Amino acid sequence: MAHGLYPKPPDLRGQRTQKLSDGELFWIIENGVRFTGMPAFGGTGEHGSGDDSWKLVRFIRHLPQLTMEERMEMDRYNPKGPDDRKEEQEENDFLQGQPVQQKPPGAHHH
């Protein structure tokens, strides 16, 4: 999703993000960052208590220590686009011994 965004979204596991205070992370989640791809997630009403934003702060703090099992579990829940589903199907076909279809030049992932 971040492809083509300017400025590029930060690596949430990186030192620049991890050295922010919990309060700074909470503020960014609640208010967004103007003129970037980071919308505000705070609000009023039923979901406006800030509890979800604090959960995200704790999640961001845990990202550098994610285990392989946690990464795999997250992958299962991440939405997949049509290209991802097609690639996954091609991998499954290959693993089941079906013939590999060559991609045209320039169609490979970078």
PDB file of N, CA and C in Angstrom:
ATOM      1  N   MET A   1       0.811  -1.191   0.000  1.00  0.00           N
ATOM      2  CA  MET A   1       0.000   0.000   0.000  1.00  0.00           C
ATOM      3  C   MET A   1       0.855   1.256   0.000  1.00  0.00           C
ATOM      4  N   ALA A   2       2.048   1.166   0.519  1.00  0.00           N
ATOM      5  CA  ALA A   2       2.879   2.347   0.682  1.00  0.00           C
ATOM      6  C   ALA A   2       3.586   2.749  -0.610  1.00  0.00           C
ATOM      7  N   HIS A   3       3.516   1.896  -1.631  1.00  0.00           N
ATOM      8  CA  HIS A   3       4.202   2.192  -2.875  1.00  0.00           C
ATOM      9  C   HIS A   3       3.689   3.508  -3.453  1.00  0.00           C
ATOM     10  N   GLY A   4       4.585   4.405  -3.752  1.00  0.00           N
ATOM     11  CA  GLY A   4       4.200   5.666  -4.369  1.00  0.00           C
ATOM     12  C   GLY A   4       3.845   6.766  -3.384  1.00  0.00           C
ATOM     13  N   LEU A   5       3.834   6.476  -2.092  1.00  0.00           N
ATOM     14  CA  LEU A   5       3.540   7.533  -1.127  1.00  0.00           C
ATOM     15  C   LEU A   5       4.765   8.413  -0.931  1.00  0.00           C
ATOM     16  N   TYR A   6       4.519   9.687  -0.764  1.00  0.00           N
ATOM     17  CA  TYR A   6       5.604  10.615  -0.462  1.00  0.00           C
ATOM     18  C   TYR A   6       5.133  11.533   0.654  1.00  0.00           C
ATOM     19  N   PRO A   7       5.877  11.682   1.709  1.00  0.00           N
ATOM     20  CA  PRO A   7       7.101  10.937   1.990  1.00  0.00           C
ATOM     21  C   PRO A   7       6.788   9.472   2.286  1.00  0.00           C
ATOM     22  N   LYS A   8       7.801   8.623   2.116  1.00  0.00           N
ATOM     23  CA  LYS A   8       7.614   7.195   2.368  1.00  0.00           C
ATOM     24  C   LYS A   8       7.275   6.977   3.842  1.00  0.00           C
ATOM     25  N   PRO A   9       6.368   6.035   4.108  1.00  0.00           N
ATOM     26  CA  PRO A   9       6.057   5.724   5.508  1.00  0.00           C
ATOM     27  C   PRO A   9       7.288   5.176   6.214  1.00  0.00           C
ATOM     28  N   PRO A  10       7.422   5.486   7.501  1.00  0.00           N
ATOM     29  CA  PRO A  10       8.599   5.000   8.227  1.00  0.00           C
ATOM     30  C   PRO A  10       8.495   3.506   8.519  1.00  0.00           C
ATOM     31  N   ASP A  11       9.646   2.899   8.740  1.00  0.00           N
ATOM     32  CA  ASP A  11       9.700   1.524   9.215  1.00  0.00           C
ATOM     33  C   ASP A  11       9.346   1.574  10.699  1.00  0.00           C
ATOM     34  N   LEU A  12       8.209   1.014  11.061  1.00  0.00           N
ATOM     35  CA  LEU A  12       7.755   1.107  12.448  1.00  0.00           C
ATOM     36  C   LEU A  12       8.658   0.364  13.412  1.00  0.00           C
ATOM     37  N   ARG A  13       9.505  -0.536  12.873  1.00  0.00           N
ATOM     38  CA  ARG A  13      10.462  -1.251  13.720  1.00  0.00           C
ATOM     39  C   ARG A  13      11.749  -0.459  13.888  1.00  0.00           C
ATOM     40  N   GLY A  14      11.943   0.553  13.052  1.00  0.00           N
ATOM     41  CA  GLY A  14      13.199   1.299  13.014  1.00  0.00           C
ATOM     42  C   GLY A  14      13.397   2.204  14.215  1.00  0.00           C
ATOM     43  N   GLN A  15      14.657   2.583  14.418  1.00  0.00           N
ATOM     44  CA  GLN A  15      15.046   3.390  15.570  1.00  0.00           C
ATOM     45  C   GLN A  15      14.324   4.736  15.585  1.00  0.00           C
ATOM     46  N   ARG A  16      14.142   5.336  14.418  1.00  0.00           N
ATOM     47  CA  ARG A  16      13.504   6.658  14.360  1.00  0.00           C
ATOM     48  C   ARG A  16      12.095   6.622  14.950  1.00  0.00           C
ATOM     49  N   THR A  17      11.352   5.562  14.642  1.00  0.00           N
ATOM     50  CA  THR A  17      10.000   5.420  15.198  1.00  0.00           C
ATOM     51  C   THR A  17      10.059   4.940  16.638  1.00  0.00           C
ATOM     52  N   GLN A  18      10.904   3.959  16.915  1.00  0.00           N
ATOM     53  CA  GLN A  18      10.954   3.366  18.244  1.00  0.00           C
ATOM     54  C   GLN A  18      11.449   4.338  19.313  1.00  0.00           C
ATOM     55  N   LYS A  19      12.202   5.380  18.912  1.00  0.00           N
ATOM     56  CA  LYS A  19      12.684   6.324  19.920  1.00  0.00           C
ATOM     57  C   LYS A  19      11.648   7.399  20.266  1.00  0.00           C
ATOM     58  N   LEU A  20      10.528   7.443  19.516  1.00  0.00           N
ATOM     59  CA  LEU A  20       9.452   8.355  19.877  1.00  0.00           C
ATOM     60  C   LEU A  20       8.842   7.911  21.199  1.00  0.00           C
ATOM     61  N   SER A  21       8.337   8.864  21.969  1.00  0.00           N
ATOM     62  CA  SER A  21       7.682   8.502  23.233  1.00  0.00           C
ATOM     63  C   SER A  21       6.332   7.848  22.932  1.00  0.00           C
ATOM     64  N   ASP A  22       5.791   7.141  23.921  1.00  0.00           N
ATOM     65  CA  ASP A  22       4.469   6.541  23.764  1.00  0.00           C
ATOM     66  C   ASP A  22       3.436   7.623  23.455  1.00  0.00           C
ATOM     67  N   GLY A  23       3.558   8.760  24.131  1.00  0.00           N
ATOM     68  CA  GLY A  23       2.635   9.869  23.900  1.00  0.00           C
ATOM     69  C   GLY A  23       2.712  10.401  22.475  1.00  0.00           C
ATOM     70  N   GLU A  24       3.933  10.484  21.927  1.00  0.00           N
ATOM     71  CA  GLU A  24       4.089  10.948  20.539  1.00  0.00           C
ATOM     72  C   GLU A  24       3.447   9.962  19.563  1.00  0.00           C
ATOM     73  N   LEU A  25       3.689   8.666  19.777  1.00  0.00           N
ATOM     74  CA  LEU A  25       3.068   7.655  18.911  1.00  0.00           C
ATOM     75  C   LEU A  25       1.546   7.733  18.994  1.00  0.00           C
ATOM     76  N   PHE A  26       1.011   7.867  20.219  1.00  0.00           N
ATOM     77  CA  PHE A  26      -0.426   7.975  20.411  1.00  0.00           C
ATOM     78  C   PHE A  26      -0.973   9.184  19.650  1.00  0.00           C
ATOM     79  N   TRP A  27      -0.300  10.323  19.769  1.00  0.00           N
ATOM     80  CA  TRP A  27      -0.755  11.546  19.104  1.00  0.00           C
ATOM     81  C   TRP A  27      -0.784  11.358  17.594  1.00  0.00           C
ATOM     82  N   ILE A  28       0.250  10.739  17.033  1.00  0.00           N
ATOM     83  CA  ILE A  28       0.306  10.508  15.589  1.00  0.00           C
ATOM     84  C   ILE A  28      -0.835   9.601  15.143  1.00  0.00           C
ATOM     85  N   ILE A  29      -1.094   8.543  15.897  1.00  0.00           N
ATOM     86  CA  ILE A  29      -2.185   7.622  15.549  1.00  0.00           C
ATOM     87  C   ILE A  29      -3.520   8.347  15.604  1.00  0.00           C
ATOM     88  N   GLU A  30      -3.733   9.114  16.644  1.00  0.00           N
ATOM     89  CA  GLU A  30      -5.005   9.813  16.829  1.00  0.00           C
ATOM     90  C   GLU A  30      -5.211  10.929  15.801  1.00  0.00           C
ATOM     91  N   ASN A  31      -4.141  11.661  15.465  1.00  0.00           N
ATOM     92  CA  ASN A  31      -4.276  12.873  14.661  1.00  0.00           C
ATOM     93  C   ASN A  31      -3.762  12.758  13.231  1.00  0.00           C
ATOM     94  N   GLY A  32      -3.018  11.695  12.926  1.00  0.00           N
ATOM     95  CA  GLY A  32      -2.460  11.544  11.588  1.00  0.00           C
ATOM     96  C   GLY A  32      -1.290  12.490  11.362  1.00  0.00           C
ATOM     97  N   VAL A  33      -0.797  12.488  10.143  1.00  0.00           N
ATOM     98  CA  VAL A  33       0.291  13.382   9.761  1.00  0.00           C
ATOM     99  C   VAL A  33      -0.168  14.114   8.506  1.00  0.00           C
ATOM    100  N   ARG A  34      -0.325  15.409   8.607  1.00  0.00           N
ATOM    101  CA  ARG A  34      -0.826  16.195   7.477  1.00  0.00           C
ATOM    102  C   ARG A  34       0.047  16.033   6.240  1.00  0.00           C
ATOM    103  N   PHE A  35      -0.603  16.027   5.101  1.00  0.00           N
ATOM    104  CA  PHE A  35       0.047  15.976   3.783  1.00  0.00           C
ATOM    105  C   PHE A  35       0.829  14.677   3.555  1.00  0.00           C
ATOM    106  N   THR A  36       0.444  13.615   4.261  1.00  0.00           N
ATOM    107  CA  THR A  36       1.066  12.302   4.038  1.00  0.00           C
ATOM    108  C   THR A  36      -0.057  11.272   3.903  1.00  0.00           C
ATOM    109  N   GLY A  37       0.317  10.011   3.757  1.00  0.00           N
ATOM    110  CA  GLY A  37      -0.655   8.936   3.661  1.00  0.00           C
ATOM    111  C   GLY A  37      -1.143   8.462   5.018  1.00  0.00           C
ATOM    112  N   MET A  38      -0.766   9.140   6.112  1.00  0.00           N
ATOM    113  CA  MET A  38      -1.153   8.718   7.460  1.00  0.00           C
ATOM    114  C   MET A  38      -2.389   9.485   7.903  1.00  0.00           C
ATOM    115  N   PRO A  39      -3.569   8.834   7.839  1.00  0.00           N
ATOM    116  CA  PRO A  39      -4.795   9.512   8.281  1.00  0.00           C
ATOM    117  C   PRO A  39      -4.905   9.532   9.808  1.00  0.00           C
ATOM    118  N   ALA A  40      -5.805  10.345  10.306  1.00  0.00           N
ATOM    119  CA  ALA A  40      -6.109  10.360  11.736  1.00  0.00           C
ATOM    120  C   ALA A  40      -7.040   9.196  12.043  1.00  0.00           C
ATOM    121  N   PHE A  41      -6.740   8.454  13.109  1.00  0.00           N
ATOM    122  CA  PHE A  41      -7.584   7.342  13.507  1.00  0.00           C
ATOM    123  C   PHE A  41      -8.356   7.631  14.781  1.00  0.00           C
ATOM    124  N   GLY A  42      -8.135   8.797  15.375  1.00  0.00           N
ATOM    125  CA  GLY A  42      -8.876   9.166  16.568  1.00  0.00           C
ATOM    126  C   GLY A  42     -10.265   9.628  16.180  1.00  0.00           C
ATOM    127  N   GLY A  43     -11.059   9.893  17.152  1.00  0.00           N
ATOM    128  CA  GLY A  43     -12.397  10.380  16.857  1.00  0.00           C
ATOM    129  C   GLY A  43     -13.243  10.398  18.092  1.00  0.00           C
ATOM    130  N   THR A  44     -14.491  10.671  17.880  1.00  0.00           N
ATOM    131  CA  THR A  44     -15.419  10.716  18.991  1.00  0.00           C
ATOM    132  C   THR A  44     -16.409   9.582  18.843  1.00  0.00           C
ATOM    133  N   GLY A  45     -17.231   9.416  19.842  1.00  0.00           N
ATOM    134  CA  GLY A  45     -18.248   8.377  19.767  1.00  0.00           C
ATOM    135  C   GLY A  45     -17.775   7.086  20.398  1.00  0.00           C
ATOM    136  N   GLU A  46     -18.378   5.994  19.959  1.00  0.00           N
ATOM    137  CA  GLU A  46     -18.152   4.685  20.564  1.00  0.00           C
ATOM    138  C   GLU A  46     -16.683   4.275  20.558  1.00  0.00           C
ATOM    139  N   HIS A  47     -15.963   4.568  19.470  1.00  0.00           N
ATOM    140  CA  HIS A  47     -14.567   4.126  19.348  1.00  0.00           C
ATOM    141  C   HIS A  47     -13.589   5.258  19.614  1.00  0.00           C
ATOM    142  N   GLY A  48     -14.049   6.356  20.170  1.00  0.00           N
ATOM    143  CA  GLY A  48     -13.186   7.511  20.361  1.00  0.00           C
ATOM    144  C   GLY A  48     -12.502   7.579  21.705  1.00  0.00           C
ATOM    145  N   SER A  49     -12.446   6.489  22.453  1.00  0.00           N
ATOM    146  CA  SER A  49     -11.865   6.527  23.796  1.00  0.00           C
ATOM    147  C   SER A  49     -10.343   6.561  23.777  1.00  0.00           C
ATOM    148  N   GLY A  50      -9.733   6.198  22.672  1.00  0.00           N
ATOM    149  CA  GLY A  50      -8.276   6.144  22.607  1.00  0.00           C
ATOM    150  C   GLY A  50      -7.716   4.785  22.969  1.00  0.00           C
ATOM    151  N   ASP A  51      -8.564   3.867  23.449  1.00  0.00           N
ATOM    152  CA  ASP A  51      -8.078   2.540  23.838  1.00  0.00           C
ATOM    153  C   ASP A  51      -7.405   1.822  22.677  1.00  0.00           C
ATOM    154  N   ASP A  52      -8.020   1.883  21.491  1.00  0.00           N
ATOM    155  CA  ASP A  52      -7.429   1.207  20.328  1.00  0.00           C
ATOM    156  C   ASP A  52      -6.099   1.838  19.945  1.00  0.00           C
ATOM    157  N   SER A  53      -5.987   3.150  20.099  1.00  0.00           N
ATOM    158  CA  SER A  53      -4.725   3.816  19.775  1.00  0.00           C
ATOM    159  C   SER A  53      -3.627   3.381  20.736  1.00  0.00           C
ATOM    160  N   TRP A  54      -3.959   3.222  22.024  1.00  0.00           N
ATOM    161  CA  TRP A  54      -2.956   2.741  22.980  1.00  0.00           C
ATOM    162  C   TRP A  54      -2.566   1.297  22.663  1.00  0.00           C
ATOM    163  N   LYS A  55      -3.514   0.493  22.197  1.00  0.00           N
ATOM    164  CA  LYS A  55      -3.181  -0.875  21.784  1.00  0.00           C
ATOM    165  C   LYS A  55      -2.211  -0.846  20.609  1.00  0.00           C
ATOM    166  N   LEU A  56      -2.422   0.085  19.686  1.00  0.00           N
ATOM    167  CA  LEU A  56      -1.492   0.216  18.555  1.00  0.00           C
ATOM    168  C   LEU A  56      -0.111   0.659  19.019  1.00  0.00           C
ATOM    169  N   VAL A  57      -0.041   1.547  19.996  1.00  0.00           N
ATOM    170  CA  VAL A  57       1.258   1.959  20.545  1.00  0.00           C
ATOM    171  C   VAL A  57       1.978   0.729  21.091  1.00  0.00           C
ATOM    172  N   ARG A  58       1.270  -0.100  21.871  1.00  0.00           N
ATOM    173  CA  ARG A  58       1.902  -1.321  22.420  1.00  0.00           C
ATOM    174  C   ARG A  58       2.338  -2.260  21.299  1.00  0.00           C
ATOM    175  N   PHE A  59       1.515  -2.358  20.242  1.00  0.00           N
ATOM    176  CA  PHE A  59       1.862  -3.209  19.103  1.00  0.00           C
ATOM    177  C   PHE A  59       3.124  -2.687  18.414  1.00  0.00           C
ATOM    178  N   ILE A  60       3.200  -1.393  18.181  1.00  0.00           N
ATOM    179  CA  ILE A  60       4.382  -0.799  17.536  1.00  0.00           C
ATOM    180  C   ILE A  60       5.623  -1.060  18.377  1.00  0.00           C
ATOM    181  N   ARG A  61       5.495  -0.973  19.688  1.00  0.00           N
ATOM    182  CA  ARG A  61       6.635  -1.254  20.576  1.00  0.00           C
ATOM    183  C   ARG A  61       7.092  -2.712  20.460  1.00  0.00           C
ATOM    184  N   HIS A  62       6.168  -3.608  20.169  1.00  0.00           N
ATOM    185  CA  HIS A  62       6.486  -5.042  20.092  1.00  0.00           C
ATOM    186  C   HIS A  62       7.055  -5.443  18.726  1.00  0.00           C
ATOM    187  N   LEU A  63       6.845  -4.631  17.698  1.00  0.00           N
ATOM    188  CA  LEU A  63       7.252  -5.011  16.343  1.00  0.00           C
ATOM    189  C   LEU A  63       8.709  -5.457  16.215  1.00  0.00           C
ATOM    190  N   PRO A  64       9.678  -4.779  16.833  1.00  0.00           N
ATOM    191  CA  PRO A  64      11.061  -5.239  16.671  1.00  0.00           C
ATOM    192  C   PRO A  64      11.319  -6.638  17.230  1.00  0.00           C
ATOM    193  N   GLN A  65      10.455  -7.116  18.125  1.00  0.00           N
ATOM    194  CA  GLN A  65      10.660  -8.432  18.738  1.00  0.00           C
ATOM    195  C   GLN A  65       9.720  -9.499  18.186  1.00  0.00           C
ATOM    196  N   LEU A  66       9.037  -9.230  17.073  1.00  0.00           N
ATOM    197  CA  LEU A  66       8.095 -10.211  16.525  1.00  0.00           C
ATOM    198  C   LEU A  66       8.788 -11.542  16.260  1.00  0.00           C
ATOM    199  N   THR A  67       8.126 -12.612  16.649  1.00  0.00           N
ATOM    200  CA  THR A  67       8.645 -13.939  16.354  1.00  0.00           C
ATOM    201  C   THR A  67       8.186 -14.346  14.951  1.00  0.00           C
ATOM    202  N   MET A  68       8.801 -15.364  14.399  1.00  0.00           N
ATOM    203  CA  MET A  68       8.406 -15.865  13.081  1.00  0.00           C
ATOM    204  C   MET A  68       6.952 -16.340  13.109  1.00  0.00           C
ATOM    205  N   GLU A  69       6.553 -16.967  14.208  1.00  0.00           N
ATOM    206  CA  GLU A  69       5.167 -17.434  14.336  1.00  0.00           C
ATOM    207  C   GLU A  69       4.190 -16.266  14.308  1.00  0.00           C
ATOM    208  N   GLU A  70       4.537 -15.177  14.987  1.00  0.00           N
ATOM    209  CA  GLU A  70       3.676 -13.988  14.990  1.00  0.00           C
ATOM    210  C   GLU A  70       3.594 -13.376  13.591  1.00  0.00           C
ATOM    211  N   ARG A  71       4.724 -13.344  12.884  1.00  0.00           N
ATOM    212  CA  ARG A  71       4.723 -12.814  11.511  1.00  0.00           C
ATOM    213  C   ARG A  71       3.831 -13.658  10.600  1.00  0.00           C
ATOM    214  N   MET A  72       3.928 -14.974  10.743  1.00  0.00           N
ATOM    215  CA  MET A  72       3.118 -15.855   9.917  1.00  0.00           C
ATOM    216  C   MET A  72       1.633 -15.679  10.238  1.00  0.00           C
ATOM    217  N   GLU A  73       1.312 -15.513  11.513  1.00  0.00           N
ATOM    218  CA  GLU A  73      -0.086 -15.295  11.903  1.00  0.00           C
ATOM    219  C   GLU A  73      -0.603 -13.975  11.325  1.00  0.00           C
ATOM    220  N   MET A  74       0.212 -12.934  11.380  1.00  0.00           N
ATOM    221  CA  MET A  74      -0.189 -11.643  10.808  1.00  0.00           C
ATOM    222  C   MET A  74      -0.407 -11.768   9.305  1.00  0.00           C
ATOM    223  N   ASP A  75       0.457 -12.506   8.633  1.00  0.00           N
ATOM    224  CA  ASP A  75       0.315 -12.711   7.189  1.00  0.00           C
ATOM    225  C   ASP A  75      -1.029 -13.331   6.839  1.00  0.00           C
ATOM    226  N   ARG A  76      -1.481 -14.263   7.676  1.00  0.00           N
ATOM    227  CA  ARG A  76      -2.767 -14.919   7.409  1.00  0.00           C
ATOM    228  C   ARG A  76      -3.921 -13.930   7.449  1.00  0.00           C
ATOM    229  N   TYR A  77      -3.809 -12.880   8.268  1.00  0.00           N
ATOM    230  CA  TYR A  77      -4.900 -11.923   8.433  1.00  0.00           C
ATOM    231  C   TYR A  77      -4.785 -10.702   7.517  1.00  0.00           C
ATOM    232  N   ASN A  78      -3.629 -10.507   6.897  1.00  0.00           N
ATOM    233  CA  ASN A  78      -3.465  -9.354   6.007  1.00  0.00           C
ATOM    234  C   ASN A  78      -4.287  -9.542   4.745  1.00  0.00           C
ATOM    235  N   PRO A  79      -4.980  -8.494   4.318  1.00  0.00           N
ATOM    236  CA  PRO A  79      -5.747  -8.620   3.066  1.00  0.00           C
ATOM    237  C   PRO A  79      -4.806  -8.805   1.879  1.00  0.00           C
ATOM    238  N   LYS A  80      -5.257  -9.597   0.923  1.00  0.00           N
ATOM    239  CA  LYS A  80      -4.454  -9.860  -0.269  1.00  0.00           C
ATOM    240  C   LYS A  80      -5.154  -9.268  -1.489  1.00  0.00           C
ATOM    241  N   GLY A  81      -4.363  -8.627  -2.334  1.00  0.00           N
ATOM    242  CA  GLY A  81      -4.887  -8.087  -3.575  1.00  0.00           C
ATOM    243  C   GLY A  81      -4.892  -9.169  -4.638  1.00  0.00           C
ATOM    244  N   PRO A  82      -5.448  -8.850  -5.818  1.00  0.00           N
ATOM    245  CA  PRO A  82      -5.520  -9.851  -6.895  1.00  0.00           C
ATOM    246  C   PRO A  82      -4.144 -10.376  -7.308  1.00  0.00           C
ATOM    247  N   ASP A  83      -3.135  -9.516  -7.345  1.00  0.00           N
ATOM    248  CA  ASP A  83      -1.789  -9.966  -7.723  1.00  0.00           C
ATOM    249  C   ASP A  83      -1.230 -10.940  -6.693  1.00  0.00           C
ATOM    250  N   ASP A  84      -1.457 -10.633  -5.409  1.00  0.00           N
ATOM    251  CA  ASP A  84      -0.978 -11.522  -4.352  1.00  0.00           C
ATOM    252  C   ASP A  84      -1.662 -12.885  -4.434  1.00  0.00           C
ATOM    253  N   ARG A  85      -2.989 -12.872  -4.660  1.00  0.00           N
ATOM    254  CA  ARG A  85      -3.722 -14.138  -4.748  1.00  0.00           C
ATOM    255  C   ARG A  85      -3.255 -14.950  -5.951  1.00  0.00           C
ATOM    256  N   LYS A  86      -2.997 -14.280  -7.077  1.00  0.00           N
ATOM    257  CA  LYS A  86      -2.528 -14.977  -8.273  1.00  0.00           C
ATOM    258  C   LYS A  86      -1.150 -15.609  -8.024  1.00  0.00           C
ATOM    259  N   GLU A  87      -0.261 -14.840  -7.410  1.00  0.00           N
ATOM    260  CA  GLU A  87       1.071 -15.361  -7.104  1.00  0.00           C
ATOM    261  C   GLU A  87       0.984 -16.549  -6.148  1.00  0.00           C
ATOM    262  N   GLU A  88       0.121 -16.434  -5.137  1.00  0.00           N
ATOM    263  CA  GLU A  88      -0.061 -17.535  -4.196  1.00  0.00           C
ATOM    264  C   GLU A  88      -0.578 -18.780  -4.913  1.00  0.00           C
ATOM    265  N   GLN A  89      -1.517 -18.603  -5.838  1.00  0.00           N
ATOM    266  CA  GLN A  89      -2.059 -19.727  -6.595  1.00  0.00           C
ATOM    267  C   GLN A  89      -0.973 -20.364  -7.456  1.00  0.00           C
ATOM    268  N   GLU A  90      -0.137 -19.522  -8.091  1.00  0.00           N
ATOM    269  CA  GLU A  90       0.965 -20.045  -8.910  1.00  0.00           C
ATOM    270  C   GLU A  90       1.933 -20.864  -8.060  1.00  0.00           C
ATOM    271  N   GLU A  91       2.219 -20.379  -6.851  1.00  0.00           N
ATOM    272  CA  GLU A  91       3.109 -21.125  -5.951  1.00  0.00           C
ATOM    273  C   GLU A  91       2.493 -22.464  -5.573  1.00  0.00           C
ATOM    274  N   ASN A  92       1.205 -22.449  -5.249  1.00  0.00           N
ATOM    275  CA  ASN A  92       0.527 -23.701  -4.898  1.00  0.00           C
ATOM    276  C   ASN A  92       0.508 -24.670  -6.079  1.00  0.00           C
ATOM    277  N   ASP A  93       0.239 -24.156  -7.280  1.00  0.00           N
ATOM    278  CA  ASP A  93       0.245 -25.001  -8.475  1.00  0.00           C
ATOM    279  C   ASP A  93       1.617 -25.642  -8.663  1.00  0.00           C
ATOM    280  N   PHE A  94       2.672 -24.837  -8.509  1.00  0.00           N
ATOM    281  CA  PHE A  94       4.033 -25.336  -8.661  1.00  0.00           C
ATOM    282  C   PHE A  94       4.321 -26.433  -7.634  1.00  0.00           C
ATOM    283  N   LEU A  95       3.937 -26.172  -6.382  1.00  0.00           N
ATOM    284  CA  LEU A  95       4.194 -27.148  -5.323  1.00  0.00           C
ATOM    285  C   LEU A  95       3.424 -28.446  -5.532  1.00  0.00           C
ATOM    286  N   GLN A  96       2.327 -28.382  -6.278  1.00  0.00           N
ATOM    287  CA  GLN A  96       1.539 -29.570  -6.564  1.00  0.00           C
ATOM    288  C   GLN A  96       1.965 -30.232  -7.874  1.00  0.00           C
ATOM    289  N   GLY A  97       3.076 -29.729  -8.457  1.00  0.00           N
ATOM    290  CA  GLY A  97       3.636 -30.375  -9.640  1.00  0.00           C
ATOM    291  C   GLY A  97       3.039 -29.952 -10.967  1.00  0.00           C
ATOM    292  N   GLN A  98       2.254 -28.892 -10.982  1.00  0.00           N
ATOM    293  CA  GLN A  98       1.683 -28.427 -12.243  1.00  0.00           C
ATOM    294  C   GLN A  98       2.740 -27.638 -13.021  1.00  0.00           C
ATOM    295  N   PRO A  99       2.628 -27.631 -14.365  1.00  0.00           N
ATOM    296  CA  PRO A  99       3.623 -26.918 -15.171  1.00  0.00           C
ATOM    297  C   PRO A  99       3.666 -25.427 -14.839  1.00  0.00           C
ATOM    298  N   VAL A 100       4.866 -24.884 -14.880  1.00  0.00           N
ATOM    299  CA  VAL A 100       5.068 -23.465 -14.596  1.00  0.00           C
ATOM    300  C   VAL A 100       4.842 -22.661 -15.866  1.00  0.00           C
ATOM    301  N   GLN A 101       4.037 -21.609 -15.757  1.00  0.00           N
ATOM    302  CA  GLN A 101       3.825 -20.718 -16.901  1.00  0.00           C
ATOM    303  C   GLN A 101       4.806 -19.560 -16.777  1.00  0.00           C
ATOM    304  N   GLN A 102       5.574 -19.337 -17.826  1.00  0.00           N
ATOM    305  CA  GLN A 102       6.555 -18.261 -17.825  1.00  0.00           C
ATOM    306  C   GLN A 102       5.850 -16.910 -17.895  1.00  0.00           C
ATOM    307  N   LYS A 103       6.337 -15.962 -17.105  1.00  0.00           N
ATOM    308  CA  LYS A 103       5.801 -14.607 -17.141  1.00  0.00           C
ATOM    309  C   LYS A 103       6.460 -13.850 -18.281  1.00  0.00           C
ATOM    310  N   PRO A 104       5.719 -12.953 -18.922  1.00  0.00           N
ATOM    311  CA  PRO A 104       6.342 -12.141 -19.965  1.00  0.00           C
ATOM    312  C   PRO A 104       7.417 -11.242 -19.375  1.00  0.00           C
ATOM    313  N   PRO A 105       8.408 -10.831 -20.174  1.00  0.00           N
ATOM    314  CA  PRO A 105       9.460  -9.940 -19.659  1.00  0.00           C
ATOM    315  C   PRO A 105       8.844  -8.682 -19.035  1.00  0.00           C
ATOM    316  N   GLY A 106       9.405  -8.259 -17.932  1.00  0.00           N
ATOM    317  CA  GLY A 106       8.922  -7.064 -17.253  1.00  0.00           C
ATOM    318  C   GLY A 106       7.763  -7.322 -16.309  1.00  0.00           C
ATOM    319  N   ALA A 107       7.280  -8.563 -16.230  1.00  0.00           N
ATOM    320  CA  ALA A 107       6.142  -8.864 -15.354  1.00  0.00           C
ATOM    321  C   ALA A 107       6.595  -9.416 -14.006  1.00  0.00           C
ATOM    322  N   HIS A 108       7.880  -9.502 -13.780  1.00  0.00           N
ATOM    323  CA  HIS A 108       8.395 -10.046 -12.526  1.00  0.00           C
ATOM    324  C   HIS A 108       8.360  -8.977 -11.444  1.00  0.00           C
ATOM    325  N   HIS A 109       8.235  -9.421 -10.182  1.00  0.00           N
ATOM    326  CA  HIS A 109       8.232  -8.503  -9.054  1.00  0.00           C
ATOM    327  C   HIS A 109       9.614  -7.945  -8.851  1.00  0.00           C
ATOM    328  N   HIS A 110       9.669  -6.740  -8.315  1.00  0.00           N
ATOM    329  CA  HIS A 110      10.952  -6.096  -8.033  1.00  0.00           C
ATOM    330  C   HIS A 110      11.159  -5.991  -6.564  1.00  0.00           C
TER     331      HIS A 110
END
